[in-house]
Amino acid sequence: MDDPRRILEAAADARAPVEVLPRNGAALKGHLVRVERGGVVLALGAAAPAAGTDLRVWLTADGASWTFEASVLRAGVPVPDRSQGGVLLGFIDGFRKADGIGAKVVLEALPPTGGAVSLIEGAVRIVELHPVEWTVSAPSGFPLVFVEGGGLRLRLGAPGGPPMEVGAEVRELTHGHGHLLYRIAIIEVEDAERYAEVIGAIRKLLAL
């Protein structure tokens, strides 16, 4: 069985690069600095997230890629480059091997409560994917219900990079025979150039 602490300590010794995706923010790059009793310290630079931020981390150690979820316990932690971009992560959960950073297509809806809902696996499916608008189909009886006019977050990623999140709003809800069709407008994008690249890559891979 893999020992997360041993893997993290080896990664810290190697100053392993990391990629971090905050719950409601843009992806960040940095490196693993050290492992402490209370968690792990990352150097993420001036854009480091604030205390209380939930995030996902990807790193490479021992010749394999790993990922886990964590929360920022403290920001402004001292790091070797003497910047204020160090963060202490705790509540580490779901430590597991990854299929490489960004090794597959990611399309997920993030409702205000509950876990992420895949838009390419399971009952809810992406029908159309454009930079300004997505169309999603769901069975009428599916427990997840997006309210017309309501906001949500969407997570997307293509092979070769970490996923990103954008803000969206349900503009129209159409009732079909046994299904619901949601027209979702994209209203908040922090990195428009990268977003357009990811959308283009996903459309090609999924033939949308």
N, C-alpha and C. Protein backbone atom coordinates (compact mmCIF):
# COMPACT_ATOMS: atom_id res chain seq x y z
N MET A 1 0.85 -1.20 0.00
CA MET A 1 0.00 0.00 0.00
C MET A 1 0.88 1.25 0.00
N ASP A 2 0.52 2.24 -0.81
CA ASP A 2 1.31 3.46 -0.90
C ASP A 2 1.22 4.26 0.39
N ASP A 3 2.35 4.81 0.82
CA ASP A 3 2.42 5.60 2.04
C ASP A 3 2.46 7.08 1.65
N PRO A 4 1.35 7.82 1.81
CA PRO A 4 1.32 9.22 1.38
C PRO A 4 2.43 10.06 2.00
N ARG A 5 2.72 9.86 3.29
CA ARG A 5 3.74 10.70 3.93
C ARG A 5 5.11 10.45 3.30
N ARG A 6 5.45 9.19 3.06
CA ARG A 6 6.75 8.89 2.45
C ARG A 6 6.83 9.50 1.06
N ILE A 7 5.75 9.40 0.31
CA ILE A 7 5.73 9.96 -1.05
C ILE A 7 5.88 11.47 -1.00
N LEU A 8 5.18 12.12 -0.08
CA LEU A 8 5.26 13.58 0.04
C LEU A 8 6.64 14.02 0.50
N GLU A 9 7.26 13.28 1.42
CA GLU A 9 8.60 13.64 1.89
C GLU A 9 9.62 13.51 0.76
N ALA A 10 9.49 12.45 -0.05
CA ALA A 10 10.39 12.28 -1.19
C ALA A 10 10.19 13.41 -2.19
N ALA A 11 8.95 13.81 -2.39
CA ALA A 11 8.66 14.91 -3.31
C ALA A 11 9.22 16.23 -2.79
N ALA A 12 9.14 16.44 -1.47
CA ALA A 12 9.68 17.66 -0.87
C ALA A 12 11.20 17.70 -1.01
N ASP A 13 11.86 16.56 -0.80
CA ASP A 13 13.32 16.50 -0.95
C ASP A 13 13.74 16.87 -2.37
N ALA A 14 12.90 16.51 -3.33
CA ALA A 14 13.21 16.78 -4.73
C ALA A 14 12.65 18.13 -5.19
N ARG A 15 12.04 18.89 -4.27
CA ARG A 15 11.37 20.14 -4.63
C ARG A 15 10.46 19.92 -5.84
N ALA A 16 9.64 18.89 -5.73
CA ALA A 16 8.80 18.48 -6.85
C ALA A 16 7.84 19.60 -7.27
N PRO A 17 7.67 19.80 -8.58
CA PRO A 17 6.69 20.78 -9.04
C PRO A 17 5.28 20.32 -8.74
N VAL A 18 4.40 21.27 -8.47
CA VAL A 18 3.00 20.96 -8.20
C VAL A 18 2.12 21.86 -9.05
N GLU A 19 0.93 21.39 -9.31
CA GLU A 19 -0.11 22.21 -9.93
C GLU A 19 -1.32 22.16 -9.00
N VAL A 20 -1.90 23.31 -8.74
CA VAL A 20 -2.95 23.45 -7.74
C VAL A 20 -4.17 24.09 -8.37
N LEU A 21 -5.34 23.53 -8.07
CA LEU A 21 -6.59 24.11 -8.56
C LEU A 21 -7.47 24.45 -7.37
N PRO A 22 -7.53 25.75 -6.99
CA PRO A 22 -8.45 26.15 -5.91
C PRO A 22 -9.89 25.89 -6.30
N ARG A 23 -10.75 25.73 -5.31
CA ARG A 23 -12.17 25.40 -5.54
C ARG A 23 -12.85 26.42 -6.46
N ASN A 24 -12.56 27.69 -6.27
CA ASN A 24 -13.20 28.72 -7.10
C ASN A 24 -12.15 29.68 -7.64
N GLY A 25 -11.15 29.14 -8.30
CA GLY A 25 -10.09 30.00 -8.80
C GLY A 25 -9.34 29.37 -9.96
N ALA A 26 -8.32 30.09 -10.42
CA ALA A 26 -7.52 29.63 -11.54
C ALA A 26 -6.40 28.71 -11.05
N ALA A 27 -5.91 27.86 -11.95
CA ALA A 27 -4.84 26.93 -11.61
C ALA A 27 -3.55 27.70 -11.32
N LEU A 28 -2.76 27.17 -10.39
CA LEU A 28 -1.49 27.76 -9.99
C LEU A 28 -0.38 26.72 -10.10
N LYS A 29 0.83 27.19 -10.34
CA LYS A 29 2.00 26.30 -10.36
C LYS A 29 2.96 26.70 -9.25
N GLY A 30 3.64 25.72 -8.69
CA GLY A 30 4.60 25.98 -7.64
C GLY A 30 5.42 24.74 -7.39
N HIS A 31 5.91 24.58 -6.15
CA HIS A 31 6.63 23.36 -5.81
C HIS A 31 6.42 23.03 -4.34
N LEU A 32 6.65 21.78 -4.02
CA LEU A 32 6.51 21.27 -2.66
C LEU A 32 7.78 21.60 -1.89
N VAL A 33 7.64 22.25 -0.74
CA VAL A 33 8.80 22.71 0.03
C VAL A 33 9.17 21.75 1.14
N ARG A 34 8.20 21.38 1.97
CA ARG A 34 8.50 20.50 3.10
C ARG A 34 7.23 19.87 3.64
N VAL A 35 7.43 18.82 4.43
CA VAL A 35 6.34 18.15 5.12
C VAL A 35 6.49 18.42 6.61
N GLU A 36 5.43 18.92 7.23
CA GLU A 36 5.44 19.20 8.66
C GLU A 36 4.43 18.30 9.36
N ARG A 37 4.47 18.33 10.68
CA ARG A 37 3.51 17.52 11.44
C ARG A 37 2.08 17.91 11.09
N GLY A 38 1.85 19.21 10.88
CA GLY A 38 0.50 19.68 10.62
C GLY A 38 0.06 19.62 9.17
N GLY A 39 0.96 19.26 8.26
CA GLY A 39 0.57 19.21 6.85
C GLY A 39 1.76 19.39 5.94
N VAL A 40 1.53 19.90 4.75
CA VAL A 40 2.60 20.11 3.78
C VAL A 40 2.63 21.58 3.39
N VAL A 41 3.85 22.07 3.08
CA VAL A 41 4.03 23.47 2.69
C VAL A 41 4.36 23.54 1.21
N LEU A 42 3.61 24.36 0.50
CA LEU A 42 3.85 24.61 -0.92
C LEU A 42 4.28 26.06 -1.11
N ALA A 43 5.14 26.30 -2.09
CA ALA A 43 5.48 27.66 -2.51
C ALA A 43 4.71 27.94 -3.79
N LEU A 44 3.80 28.91 -3.74
CA LEU A 44 2.92 29.19 -4.88
C LEU A 44 3.02 30.62 -5.40
N GLY A 45 3.90 31.43 -4.80
CA GLY A 45 4.08 32.78 -5.30
C GLY A 45 3.02 33.75 -4.81
N ALA A 46 3.00 34.92 -5.45
CA ALA A 46 2.14 36.01 -4.99
C ALA A 46 0.65 35.70 -5.10
N ALA A 47 0.28 34.79 -5.99
CA ALA A 47 -1.14 34.47 -6.18
C ALA A 47 -1.62 33.35 -5.27
N ALA A 48 -0.83 33.00 -4.26
CA ALA A 48 -1.20 31.91 -3.35
C ALA A 48 -2.58 32.14 -2.73
N PRO A 49 -3.40 31.11 -2.62
CA PRO A 49 -4.76 31.27 -2.07
C PRO A 49 -4.75 31.56 -0.58
N ALA A 50 -5.85 32.12 -0.10
CA ALA A 50 -5.98 32.50 1.30
C ALA A 50 -6.32 31.29 2.17
N ALA A 51 -6.14 31.47 3.47
CA ALA A 51 -6.50 30.43 4.43
C ALA A 51 -7.98 30.09 4.29
N GLY A 52 -8.30 28.81 4.39
CA GLY A 52 -9.67 28.36 4.26
C GLY A 52 -10.05 27.90 2.87
N THR A 53 -9.16 28.11 1.89
CA THR A 53 -9.46 27.71 0.52
C THR A 53 -9.33 26.19 0.35
N ASP A 54 -10.32 25.58 -0.24
CA ASP A 54 -10.24 24.15 -0.59
C ASP A 54 -9.65 24.02 -1.98
N LEU A 55 -8.82 23.01 -2.18
CA LEU A 55 -8.16 22.88 -3.47
C LEU A 55 -7.76 21.43 -3.75
N ARG A 56 -7.35 21.20 -4.99
CA ARG A 56 -6.80 19.91 -5.39
C ARG A 56 -5.37 20.13 -5.86
N VAL A 57 -4.50 19.18 -5.52
CA VAL A 57 -3.08 19.27 -5.85
C VAL A 57 -2.67 18.08 -6.71
N TRP A 58 -1.84 18.34 -7.72
CA TRP A 58 -1.21 17.29 -8.50
C TRP A 58 0.30 17.43 -8.36
N LEU A 59 1.02 16.31 -8.23
CA LEU A 59 2.48 16.35 -8.17
C LEU A 59 3.04 15.05 -8.74
N THR A 60 4.34 15.08 -9.05
CA THR A 60 5.02 13.89 -9.54
C THR A 60 6.13 13.53 -8.57
N ALA A 61 6.16 12.27 -8.13
CA ALA A 61 7.18 11.78 -7.21
C ALA A 61 7.36 10.29 -7.41
N ASP A 62 8.57 9.82 -7.20
CA ASP A 62 8.87 8.39 -7.37
C ASP A 62 8.48 7.89 -8.76
N GLY A 63 8.57 8.77 -9.74
CA GLY A 63 8.27 8.38 -11.10
C GLY A 63 6.80 8.22 -11.41
N ALA A 64 5.94 8.65 -10.50
CA ALA A 64 4.50 8.52 -10.71
C ALA A 64 3.82 9.85 -10.41
N SER A 65 2.62 10.01 -10.94
CA SER A 65 1.83 11.22 -10.68
C SER A 65 0.81 10.93 -9.60
N TRP A 66 0.60 11.91 -8.71
CA TRP A 66 -0.29 11.75 -7.57
C TRP A 66 -1.20 12.96 -7.46
N THR A 67 -2.33 12.78 -6.83
CA THR A 67 -3.26 13.88 -6.61
C THR A 67 -3.95 13.72 -5.27
N PHE A 68 -4.34 14.83 -4.67
CA PHE A 68 -5.07 14.79 -3.41
C PHE A 68 -5.82 16.10 -3.21
N GLU A 69 -6.81 16.07 -2.32
CA GLU A 69 -7.54 17.27 -1.95
C GLU A 69 -7.04 17.75 -0.59
N ALA A 70 -7.11 19.05 -0.37
CA ALA A 70 -6.64 19.62 0.89
C ALA A 70 -7.27 20.99 1.10
N SER A 71 -7.00 21.57 2.27
CA SER A 71 -7.44 22.93 2.59
C SER A 71 -6.24 23.75 3.04
N VAL A 72 -6.26 25.03 2.73
CA VAL A 72 -5.19 25.92 3.17
C VAL A 72 -5.43 26.27 4.64
N LEU A 73 -4.53 25.80 5.50
CA LEU A 73 -4.64 26.11 6.92
C LEU A 73 -4.06 27.48 7.24
N ARG A 74 -2.97 27.82 6.55
CA ARG A 74 -2.32 29.10 6.83
C ARG A 74 -1.63 29.61 5.57
N ALA A 75 -1.76 30.90 5.30
CA ALA A 75 -1.07 31.53 4.17
C ALA A 75 0.08 32.38 4.70
N GLY A 76 0.97 32.82 3.82
CA GLY A 76 2.10 33.63 4.23
C GLY A 76 3.15 32.85 5.00
N VAL A 77 3.23 31.55 4.77
CA VAL A 77 4.20 30.69 5.46
C VAL A 77 5.58 30.92 4.86
N PRO A 78 6.64 31.04 5.69
CA PRO A 78 7.99 31.24 5.15
C PRO A 78 8.43 30.09 4.24
N VAL A 79 9.01 30.44 3.12
CA VAL A 79 9.55 29.46 2.17
C VAL A 79 10.95 29.91 1.77
N PRO A 80 11.77 29.02 1.20
CA PRO A 80 13.17 29.34 0.93
C PRO A 80 13.42 30.57 0.06
N ASP A 81 12.50 30.92 -0.84
CA ASP A 81 12.75 32.09 -1.69
C ASP A 81 12.42 33.40 -0.98
N ARG A 82 12.06 33.30 0.31
CA ARG A 82 11.81 34.47 1.16
C ARG A 82 10.59 35.29 0.73
N SER A 83 9.75 34.72 -0.08
CA SER A 83 8.52 35.40 -0.46
C SER A 83 7.45 35.09 0.57
N GLN A 84 6.29 35.69 0.39
CA GLN A 84 5.15 35.42 1.27
C GLN A 84 4.17 34.47 0.60
N GLY A 85 4.66 33.73 -0.40
CA GLY A 85 3.78 32.86 -1.18
C GLY A 85 3.72 31.43 -0.72
N GLY A 86 4.11 31.16 0.54
CA GLY A 86 4.02 29.81 1.06
C GLY A 86 2.67 29.56 1.72
N VAL A 87 2.15 28.34 1.56
CA VAL A 87 0.89 27.96 2.20
C VAL A 87 1.06 26.61 2.89
N LEU A 88 0.44 26.48 4.05
CA LEU A 88 0.41 25.21 4.76
C LEU A 88 -0.92 24.53 4.47
N LEU A 89 -0.85 23.32 3.92
CA LEU A 89 -2.05 22.56 3.60
C LEU A 89 -2.31 21.49 4.64
N GLY A 90 -3.57 21.35 5.02
CA GLY A 90 -3.98 20.30 5.94
C GLY A 90 -5.24 19.63 5.45
N PHE A 91 -5.82 18.77 6.29
CA PHE A 91 -7.03 18.01 5.93
C PHE A 91 -6.84 17.31 4.58
N ILE A 92 -5.66 16.71 4.41
CA ILE A 92 -5.36 16.01 3.16
C ILE A 92 -6.22 14.76 3.04
N ASP A 93 -6.87 14.63 1.88
CA ASP A 93 -7.81 13.53 1.71
C ASP A 93 -7.74 13.02 0.26
N GLY A 94 -8.10 11.76 0.08
CA GLY A 94 -8.19 11.21 -1.27
C GLY A 94 -6.86 11.12 -1.98
N PHE A 95 -5.78 10.86 -1.22
CA PHE A 95 -4.45 10.75 -1.83
C PHE A 95 -4.41 9.50 -2.71
N ARG A 96 -4.12 9.68 -3.99
CA ARG A 96 -4.15 8.54 -4.91
C ARG A 96 -3.28 8.83 -6.12
N LYS A 97 -2.99 7.77 -6.85
CA LYS A 97 -2.27 7.93 -8.10
C LYS A 97 -3.18 8.61 -9.12
N ALA A 98 -2.57 9.50 -9.89
CA ALA A 98 -3.30 10.14 -10.99
C ALA A 98 -2.80 9.53 -12.28
N ASP A 99 -3.60 9.60 -13.31
CA ASP A 99 -3.20 9.09 -14.62
C ASP A 99 -2.37 10.13 -15.34
N GLY A 100 -1.49 10.79 -14.60
CA GLY A 100 -0.76 11.91 -15.16
C GLY A 100 -1.59 13.16 -15.03
N ILE A 101 -0.93 14.32 -14.90
CA ILE A 101 -1.66 15.57 -14.75
C ILE A 101 -2.42 15.86 -16.03
N GLY A 102 -3.74 16.00 -15.90
CA GLY A 102 -4.55 16.29 -17.07
C GLY A 102 -4.50 15.20 -18.12
N ALA A 103 -4.54 13.93 -17.69
CA ALA A 103 -4.41 12.83 -18.65
C ALA A 103 -5.72 12.50 -19.34
N LYS A 104 -6.81 13.12 -18.96
CA LYS A 104 -8.09 12.82 -19.59
C LYS A 104 -8.94 14.08 -19.64
N VAL A 105 -10.02 13.99 -20.41
CA VAL A 105 -10.95 15.11 -20.51
C VAL A 105 -11.76 15.21 -19.22
N VAL A 106 -11.91 16.43 -18.72
CA VAL A 106 -12.72 16.70 -17.54
C VAL A 106 -13.81 17.70 -17.92
N LEU A 107 -15.06 17.33 -17.69
CA LEU A 107 -16.20 18.24 -17.84
C LEU A 107 -17.14 17.96 -16.68
N GLU A 108 -17.24 18.90 -15.75
CA GLU A 108 -18.03 18.67 -14.55
C GLU A 108 -18.83 19.90 -14.18
N ALA A 109 -20.01 19.68 -13.64
CA ALA A 109 -20.81 20.75 -13.03
C ALA A 109 -20.60 20.68 -11.53
N LEU A 110 -20.43 21.85 -10.91
CA LEU A 110 -20.20 21.92 -9.47
C LEU A 110 -21.37 22.65 -8.83
N PRO A 111 -22.37 21.91 -8.38
CA PRO A 111 -23.52 22.56 -7.75
C PRO A 111 -23.13 23.22 -6.43
N PRO A 112 -23.94 24.17 -5.94
CA PRO A 112 -23.61 24.85 -4.68
C PRO A 112 -23.42 23.90 -3.51
N THR A 113 -24.13 22.78 -3.51
CA THR A 113 -23.96 21.77 -2.47
C THR A 113 -23.80 20.41 -3.13
N GLY A 114 -23.07 19.53 -2.47
CA GLY A 114 -22.86 18.20 -3.03
C GLY A 114 -21.62 18.13 -3.88
N GLY A 115 -21.34 16.93 -4.39
CA GLY A 115 -20.13 16.71 -5.17
C GLY A 115 -20.28 17.09 -6.62
N ALA A 116 -19.15 16.98 -7.33
CA ALA A 116 -19.13 17.29 -8.76
C ALA A 116 -19.94 16.26 -9.54
N VAL A 117 -20.56 16.72 -10.63
CA VAL A 117 -21.35 15.86 -11.50
C VAL A 117 -20.71 15.84 -12.88
N SER A 118 -20.27 14.65 -13.32
CA SER A 118 -19.64 14.53 -14.63
C SER A 118 -20.65 14.82 -15.74
N LEU A 119 -20.18 15.51 -16.77
CA LEU A 119 -21.02 15.80 -17.93
C LEU A 119 -20.66 14.90 -19.12
N ILE A 120 -19.78 13.93 -18.90
CA ILE A 120 -19.42 13.00 -19.97
C ILE A 120 -19.54 11.54 -19.53
N GLU A 121 -19.80 11.31 -18.26
CA GLU A 121 -19.99 9.95 -17.75
C GLU A 121 -21.26 9.94 -16.91
N GLY A 122 -22.10 8.96 -17.09
CA GLY A 122 -23.31 8.89 -16.29
C GLY A 122 -24.51 9.47 -16.99
N ALA A 123 -25.51 9.86 -16.18
CA ALA A 123 -26.81 10.25 -16.72
C ALA A 123 -26.82 11.65 -17.33
N VAL A 124 -26.01 12.55 -16.80
CA VAL A 124 -25.99 13.93 -17.29
C VAL A 124 -24.93 14.06 -18.38
N ARG A 125 -25.30 14.62 -19.52
CA ARG A 125 -24.38 14.65 -20.66
C ARG A 125 -24.32 16.03 -21.31
N ILE A 126 -23.11 16.38 -21.75
CA ILE A 126 -22.94 17.59 -22.54
C ILE A 126 -23.46 17.32 -23.95
N VAL A 127 -24.25 18.23 -24.49
CA VAL A 127 -24.81 18.07 -25.83
C VAL A 127 -24.10 18.99 -26.81
N GLU A 128 -23.91 20.24 -26.40
CA GLU A 128 -23.19 21.21 -27.22
C GLU A 128 -22.21 21.96 -26.33
N LEU A 129 -21.04 22.26 -26.88
CA LEU A 129 -19.99 22.93 -26.11
C LEU A 129 -19.39 24.05 -26.94
N HIS A 130 -19.64 25.29 -26.53
CA HIS A 130 -19.10 26.46 -27.20
C HIS A 130 -18.50 27.39 -26.15
N PRO A 131 -17.59 28.28 -26.54
CA PRO A 131 -16.95 29.15 -25.55
C PRO A 131 -17.93 29.99 -24.73
N VAL A 132 -19.04 30.42 -25.33
CA VAL A 132 -19.97 31.30 -24.62
C VAL A 132 -21.17 30.56 -24.04
N GLU A 133 -21.38 29.31 -24.46
CA GLU A 133 -22.59 28.61 -24.02
C GLU A 133 -22.41 27.09 -24.09
N TRP A 134 -22.91 26.40 -23.06
CA TRP A 134 -22.94 24.94 -23.05
C TRP A 134 -24.40 24.50 -23.02
N THR A 135 -24.69 23.35 -23.63
CA THR A 135 -26.01 22.75 -23.52
C THR A 135 -25.86 21.37 -22.89
N VAL A 136 -26.64 21.13 -21.83
CA VAL A 136 -26.53 19.90 -21.05
C VAL A 136 -27.88 19.22 -20.97
N SER A 137 -27.89 17.91 -21.11
CA SER A 137 -29.12 17.11 -21.02
C SER A 137 -29.08 16.25 -19.77
N ALA A 138 -30.23 16.13 -19.10
CA ALA A 138 -30.35 15.28 -17.91
C ALA A 138 -31.71 14.61 -17.90
N PRO A 139 -31.81 13.39 -17.38
CA PRO A 139 -33.12 12.74 -17.26
C PRO A 139 -34.03 13.56 -16.35
N SER A 140 -35.31 13.53 -16.62
CA SER A 140 -36.27 14.31 -15.83
C SER A 140 -36.20 13.96 -14.35
N GLY A 141 -35.93 12.70 -14.03
CA GLY A 141 -35.91 12.29 -12.64
C GLY A 141 -34.57 12.40 -11.96
N PHE A 142 -33.57 12.97 -12.63
CA PHE A 142 -32.24 13.07 -12.02
C PHE A 142 -32.30 14.01 -10.82
N PRO A 143 -31.67 13.64 -9.69
CA PRO A 143 -31.80 14.45 -8.47
C PRO A 143 -31.19 15.83 -8.56
N LEU A 144 -30.20 16.03 -9.42
CA LEU A 144 -29.60 17.35 -9.57
C LEU A 144 -30.49 18.22 -10.44
N VAL A 145 -30.96 19.33 -9.92
CA VAL A 145 -31.82 20.23 -10.68
C VAL A 145 -31.20 21.61 -10.68
N PHE A 146 -30.83 22.10 -11.85
CA PHE A 146 -30.32 23.45 -11.99
C PHE A 146 -31.52 24.38 -12.15
N VAL A 147 -31.57 25.39 -11.34
CA VAL A 147 -32.69 26.33 -11.38
C VAL A 147 -32.46 27.35 -12.49
N GLU A 148 -33.49 27.56 -13.29
CA GLU A 148 -33.37 28.56 -14.35
C GLU A 148 -33.05 29.92 -13.75
N GLY A 149 -31.99 30.55 -14.25
CA GLY A 149 -31.53 31.81 -13.71
C GLY A 149 -30.53 31.66 -12.59
N GLY A 150 -30.29 30.43 -12.15
CA GLY A 150 -29.36 30.18 -11.06
C GLY A 150 -27.92 30.06 -11.53
N GLY A 151 -26.99 30.33 -10.63
CA GLY A 151 -25.58 30.26 -10.96
C GLY A 151 -24.96 28.93 -10.56
N LEU A 152 -23.85 28.60 -11.19
CA LEU A 152 -23.11 27.39 -10.86
C LEU A 152 -21.68 27.54 -11.36
N ARG A 153 -20.81 26.62 -10.94
CA ARG A 153 -19.45 26.56 -11.43
C ARG A 153 -19.31 25.35 -12.34
N LEU A 154 -18.45 25.49 -13.34
CA LEU A 154 -18.16 24.39 -14.26
C LEU A 154 -16.66 24.15 -14.26
N ARG A 155 -16.27 22.89 -14.26
CA ARG A 155 -14.85 22.53 -14.29
C ARG A 155 -14.56 21.82 -15.62
N LEU A 156 -13.49 22.23 -16.27
CA LEU A 156 -13.13 21.61 -17.54
C LEU A 156 -11.62 21.47 -17.65
N GLY A 157 -11.20 20.44 -18.35
CA GLY A 157 -9.78 20.21 -18.55
C GLY A 157 -9.55 19.27 -19.71
N ALA A 158 -8.42 19.46 -20.39
CA ALA A 158 -8.04 18.61 -21.52
C ALA A 158 -6.70 17.96 -21.20
N PRO A 159 -6.39 16.84 -21.84
CA PRO A 159 -5.09 16.20 -21.61
C PRO A 159 -3.93 17.17 -21.81
N GLY A 160 -2.97 17.12 -20.90
CA GLY A 160 -1.79 17.97 -21.00
C GLY A 160 -1.76 19.12 -20.02
N GLY A 161 -2.81 19.30 -19.22
CA GLY A 161 -2.81 20.39 -18.25
C GLY A 161 -3.85 20.17 -17.19
N PRO A 162 -3.77 20.93 -16.09
CA PRO A 162 -4.75 20.78 -15.02
C PRO A 162 -6.09 21.39 -15.42
N PRO A 163 -7.17 20.95 -14.81
CA PRO A 163 -8.47 21.55 -15.13
C PRO A 163 -8.57 22.98 -14.61
N MET A 164 -9.58 23.70 -15.10
CA MET A 164 -9.86 25.06 -14.65
C MET A 164 -11.34 25.16 -14.36
N GLU A 165 -11.74 26.25 -13.69
CA GLU A 165 -13.15 26.46 -13.39
C GLU A 165 -13.63 27.79 -13.97
N VAL A 166 -14.89 27.84 -14.35
CA VAL A 166 -15.52 29.06 -14.85
C VAL A 166 -16.87 29.22 -14.17
N GLY A 167 -17.34 30.46 -14.14
CA GLY A 167 -18.66 30.74 -13.59
C GLY A 167 -19.71 30.71 -14.69
N ALA A 168 -20.92 30.24 -14.36
CA ALA A 168 -21.96 30.10 -15.37
C ALA A 168 -23.33 30.38 -14.78
N GLU A 169 -24.31 30.49 -15.67
CA GLU A 169 -25.69 30.74 -15.26
C GLU A 169 -26.64 29.97 -16.18
N VAL A 170 -27.66 29.35 -15.60
CA VAL A 170 -28.66 28.64 -16.40
C VAL A 170 -29.59 29.67 -17.03
N ARG A 171 -29.51 29.82 -18.36
CA ARG A 171 -30.30 30.83 -19.05
C ARG A 171 -31.66 30.30 -19.48
N GLU A 172 -31.73 29.00 -19.76
CA GLU A 172 -33.01 28.45 -20.24
C GLU A 172 -33.11 26.98 -19.87
N LEU A 173 -34.29 26.58 -19.44
CA LEU A 173 -34.57 25.18 -19.11
C LEU A 173 -35.74 24.71 -19.96
N THR A 174 -35.51 23.67 -20.77
CA THR A 174 -36.53 23.13 -21.65
C THR A 174 -36.89 21.72 -21.22
N HIS A 175 -38.19 21.46 -21.10
CA HIS A 175 -38.66 20.13 -20.72
C HIS A 175 -38.96 19.33 -21.98
N GLY A 176 -38.25 18.20 -22.14
CA GLY A 176 -38.51 17.30 -23.25
C GLY A 176 -39.20 16.04 -22.76
N HIS A 177 -39.34 15.06 -23.62
CA HIS A 177 -39.98 13.80 -23.25
C HIS A 177 -38.98 12.95 -22.47
N GLY A 178 -39.10 12.98 -21.15
CA GLY A 178 -38.22 12.19 -20.30
C GLY A 178 -36.88 12.82 -20.00
N HIS A 179 -36.67 14.05 -20.45
CA HIS A 179 -35.38 14.68 -20.17
C HIS A 179 -35.54 16.20 -20.02
N LEU A 180 -34.51 16.81 -19.47
CA LEU A 180 -34.43 18.26 -19.34
C LEU A 180 -33.23 18.74 -20.13
N LEU A 181 -33.36 19.88 -20.76
CA LEU A 181 -32.27 20.45 -21.54
C LEU A 181 -31.94 21.82 -20.96
N TYR A 182 -30.70 21.97 -20.51
CA TYR A 182 -30.26 23.21 -19.89
C TYR A 182 -29.35 23.98 -20.85
N ARG A 183 -29.68 25.24 -21.07
CA ARG A 183 -28.79 26.13 -21.84
C ARG A 183 -28.04 26.99 -20.83
N ILE A 184 -26.74 26.78 -20.75
CA ILE A 184 -25.91 27.38 -19.70
C ILE A 184 -24.96 28.40 -20.32
N ALA A 185 -25.05 29.65 -19.88
CA ALA A 185 -24.19 30.71 -20.39
C ALA A 185 -22.95 30.85 -19.50
N ILE A 186 -21.81 31.05 -20.12
CA ILE A 186 -20.56 31.27 -19.39
C ILE A 186 -20.46 32.76 -19.07
N ILE A 187 -20.33 33.09 -17.80
CA ILE A 187 -20.36 34.50 -17.40
C ILE A 187 -19.10 34.96 -16.68
N GLU A 188 -18.21 34.04 -16.32
CA GLU A 188 -17.00 34.43 -15.58
C GLU A 188 -15.84 33.52 -15.97
N VAL A 189 -14.84 34.11 -16.62
CA VAL A 189 -13.64 33.36 -17.04
C VAL A 189 -12.42 34.18 -16.66
N GLU A 190 -11.54 33.61 -15.84
CA GLU A 190 -10.36 34.35 -15.39
C GLU A 190 -9.24 34.34 -16.43
N ASP A 191 -9.12 33.27 -17.20
CA ASP A 191 -8.07 33.16 -18.21
C ASP A 191 -8.73 32.81 -19.54
N ALA A 192 -9.15 33.83 -20.26
CA ALA A 192 -9.94 33.62 -21.48
C ALA A 192 -9.16 32.88 -22.56
N GLU A 193 -7.88 33.17 -22.69
CA GLU A 193 -7.08 32.51 -23.73
C GLU A 193 -6.96 31.02 -23.46
N ARG A 194 -6.65 30.67 -22.22
CA ARG A 194 -6.53 29.25 -21.88
C ARG A 194 -7.89 28.55 -21.99
N TYR A 195 -8.94 29.24 -21.57
CA TYR A 195 -10.28 28.67 -21.66
C TYR A 195 -10.63 28.32 -23.10
N ALA A 196 -10.34 29.22 -24.02
CA ALA A 196 -10.63 28.97 -25.44
C ALA A 196 -9.83 27.77 -25.95
N GLU A 197 -8.58 27.65 -25.52
CA GLU A 197 -7.75 26.52 -25.95
C GLU A 197 -8.30 25.20 -25.43
N VAL A 198 -8.72 25.19 -24.16
CA VAL A 198 -9.26 23.96 -23.56
C VAL A 198 -10.57 23.56 -24.24
N ILE A 199 -11.44 24.54 -24.48
CA ILE A 199 -12.71 24.25 -25.16
C ILE A 199 -12.44 23.65 -26.54
N GLY A 200 -11.50 24.24 -27.28
CA GLY A 200 -11.18 23.74 -28.60
C GLY A 200 -10.67 22.31 -28.57
N ALA A 201 -9.80 22.02 -27.60
CA ALA A 201 -9.24 20.67 -27.48
C ALA A 201 -10.33 19.65 -27.12
N ILE A 202 -11.22 20.02 -26.20
CA ILE A 202 -12.28 19.10 -25.79
C ILE A 202 -13.26 18.85 -26.93
N ARG A 203 -13.63 19.89 -27.64
CA ARG A 203 -14.55 19.74 -28.77
C ARG A 203 -13.99 18.75 -29.80
N LYS A 204 -12.69 18.85 -30.04
CA LYS A 204 -12.05 17.96 -31.00
C LYS A 204 -12.01 16.53 -30.49
N LEU A 205 -11.65 16.36 -29.21
CA LEU A 205 -11.53 15.01 -28.65
C LEU A 205 -12.88 14.31 -28.53
N LEU A 206 -13.93 15.08 -28.20
CA LEU A 206 -15.25 14.48 -28.02
C LEU A 206 -16.13 14.60 -29.27
N ALA A 207 -15.57 15.18 -30.32
CA ALA A 207 -16.31 15.35 -31.58
C ALA A 207 -17.61 16.11 -31.37
N LEU A 208 -17.53 17.21 -30.63
CA LEU A 208 -18.72 18.03 -30.36
C LEU A 208 -18.81 19.18 -31.36
